[in-house]
Amino acid sequence: LLRNRVSAQQARERKKVYVNDLEAKVKELEDKNSVLQEKISTLVNENTMLRK
């Protein structure tokens, strides 16, 4: 019973670490996406100006 409880606790801890890593990766990718969206907007505006 004790071994099962310890095993379950370790599994919960591994899951918590995994979820935290995923959340950090999501934040990183959202930030990167924002930067790229701004770059796209700038380049689209520049392209529009050059075509005039």
C-alpha atoms as a PDB file:
ATOM      1  CA  LEU A   1       0.000   0.000   0.000  1.00  0.00           C
ATOM      2  CA  LEU A   2       2.806   2.389   0.903  1.00  0.00           C
ATOM      3  CA  ARG A   3       4.674   1.544  -2.294  1.00  0.00           C
ATOM      4  CA  ASN A   4       1.548   2.278  -4.332  1.00  0.00           C
ATOM      5  CA  ARG A   5       1.056   5.605  -2.563  1.00  0.00           C
ATOM      6  CA  VAL A   6       4.678   6.611  -3.203  1.00  0.00           C
ATOM      7  CA  SER A   7       4.401   5.531  -6.824  1.00  0.00           C
ATOM      8  CA  ALA A   8       1.207   7.550  -7.268  1.00  0.00           C
ATOM      9  CA  GLN A   9       2.840  10.615  -5.681  1.00  0.00           C
ATOM     10  CA  GLN A  10       5.832  10.290  -8.009  1.00  0.00           C
ATOM     11  CA  ALA A  11       3.500   9.999 -11.002  1.00  0.00           C
ATOM     12  CA  ARG A  12       1.645  13.147  -9.929  1.00  0.00           C
ATOM     13  CA  GLU A  13       4.939  14.992  -9.530  1.00  0.00           C
ATOM     14  CA  ARG A  14       6.140  13.871 -12.982  1.00  0.00           C
ATOM     15  CA  LYS A  15       2.839  15.034 -14.470  1.00  0.00           C
ATOM     16  CA  LYS A  16       3.151  18.407 -12.731  1.00  0.00           C
ATOM     17  CA  VAL A  17       6.678  18.891 -14.115  1.00  0.00           C
ATOM     18  CA  TYR A  18       5.498  17.842 -17.580  1.00  0.00           C
ATOM     19  CA  VAL A  19       2.545  20.262 -17.514  1.00  0.00           C
ATOM     20  CA  ASN A  20       4.753  23.102 -16.259  1.00  0.00           C
ATOM     21  CA  ASP A  21       7.206  22.447 -19.095  1.00  0.00           C
ATOM     22  CA  LEU A  22       4.372  22.480 -21.617  1.00  0.00           C
ATOM     23  CA  GLU A  23       2.985  25.728 -20.211  1.00  0.00           C
ATOM     24  CA  ALA A  24       6.428  27.336 -20.446  1.00  0.00           C
ATOM     25  CA  LYS A  25       6.759  26.171 -24.049  1.00  0.00           C
ATOM     26  CA  VAL A  26       3.298  27.558 -24.878  1.00  0.00           C
ATOM     27  CA  LYS A  27       4.277  30.938 -23.401  1.00  0.00           C
ATOM     28  CA  GLU A  28       7.540  30.938 -25.344  1.00  0.00           C
ATOM     29  CA  LEU A  29       5.774  30.105 -28.611  1.00  0.00           C
ATOM     30  CA  GLU A  30       3.034  32.693 -28.009  1.00  0.00           C
ATOM     31  CA  ASP A  31       5.694  35.357 -27.460  1.00  0.00           C
ATOM     32  CA  LYS A  32       7.548  34.281 -30.591  1.00  0.00           C
ATOM     33  CA  ASN A  33       4.284  34.304 -32.540  1.00  0.00           C
ATOM     34  CA  SER A  34       3.569  37.878 -31.416  1.00  0.00           C
ATOM     35  CA  VAL A  35       6.997  39.015 -32.593  1.00  0.00           C
ATOM     36  CA  LEU A  36       6.500  37.318 -35.955  1.00  0.00           C
ATOM     37  CA  GLN A  37       3.008  38.797 -36.362  1.00  0.00           C
ATOM     38  CA  GLU A  38       4.449  42.275 -35.790  1.00  0.00           C
ATOM     39  CA  LYS A  39       7.180  41.576 -38.329  1.00  0.00           C
ATOM     40  CA  ILE A  40       4.587  40.429 -40.876  1.00  0.00           C
ATOM     41  CA  SER A  41       2.563  43.585 -40.311  1.00  0.00           C
ATOM     42  CA  THR A  42       5.637  45.771 -40.776  1.00  0.00           C
ATOM     43  CA  LEU A  43       6.644  43.984 -43.961  1.00  0.00           C
ATOM     44  CA  VAL A  44       3.118  44.128 -45.388  1.00  0.00           C
ATOM     45  CA  ASN A  45       3.022  47.882 -44.743  1.00  0.00           C
ATOM     46  CA  GLU A  46       6.453  48.327 -46.294  1.00  0.00           C
ATOM     47  CA  ASN A  47       5.402  46.284 -49.310  1.00  0.00           C
ATOM     48  CA  THR A  48       2.254  48.389 -49.719  1.00  0.00           C
ATOM     49  CA  MET A  49       4.273  51.614 -49.578  1.00  0.00           C
ATOM     50  CA  LEU A  50       6.780  50.353 -52.137  1.00  0.00           C
ATOM     51  CA  ARG A  51       4.026  49.369 -54.563  1.00  0.00           C
ATOM     52  CA  LYS A  52       2.592  52.905 -54.625  1.00  0.00           C
END
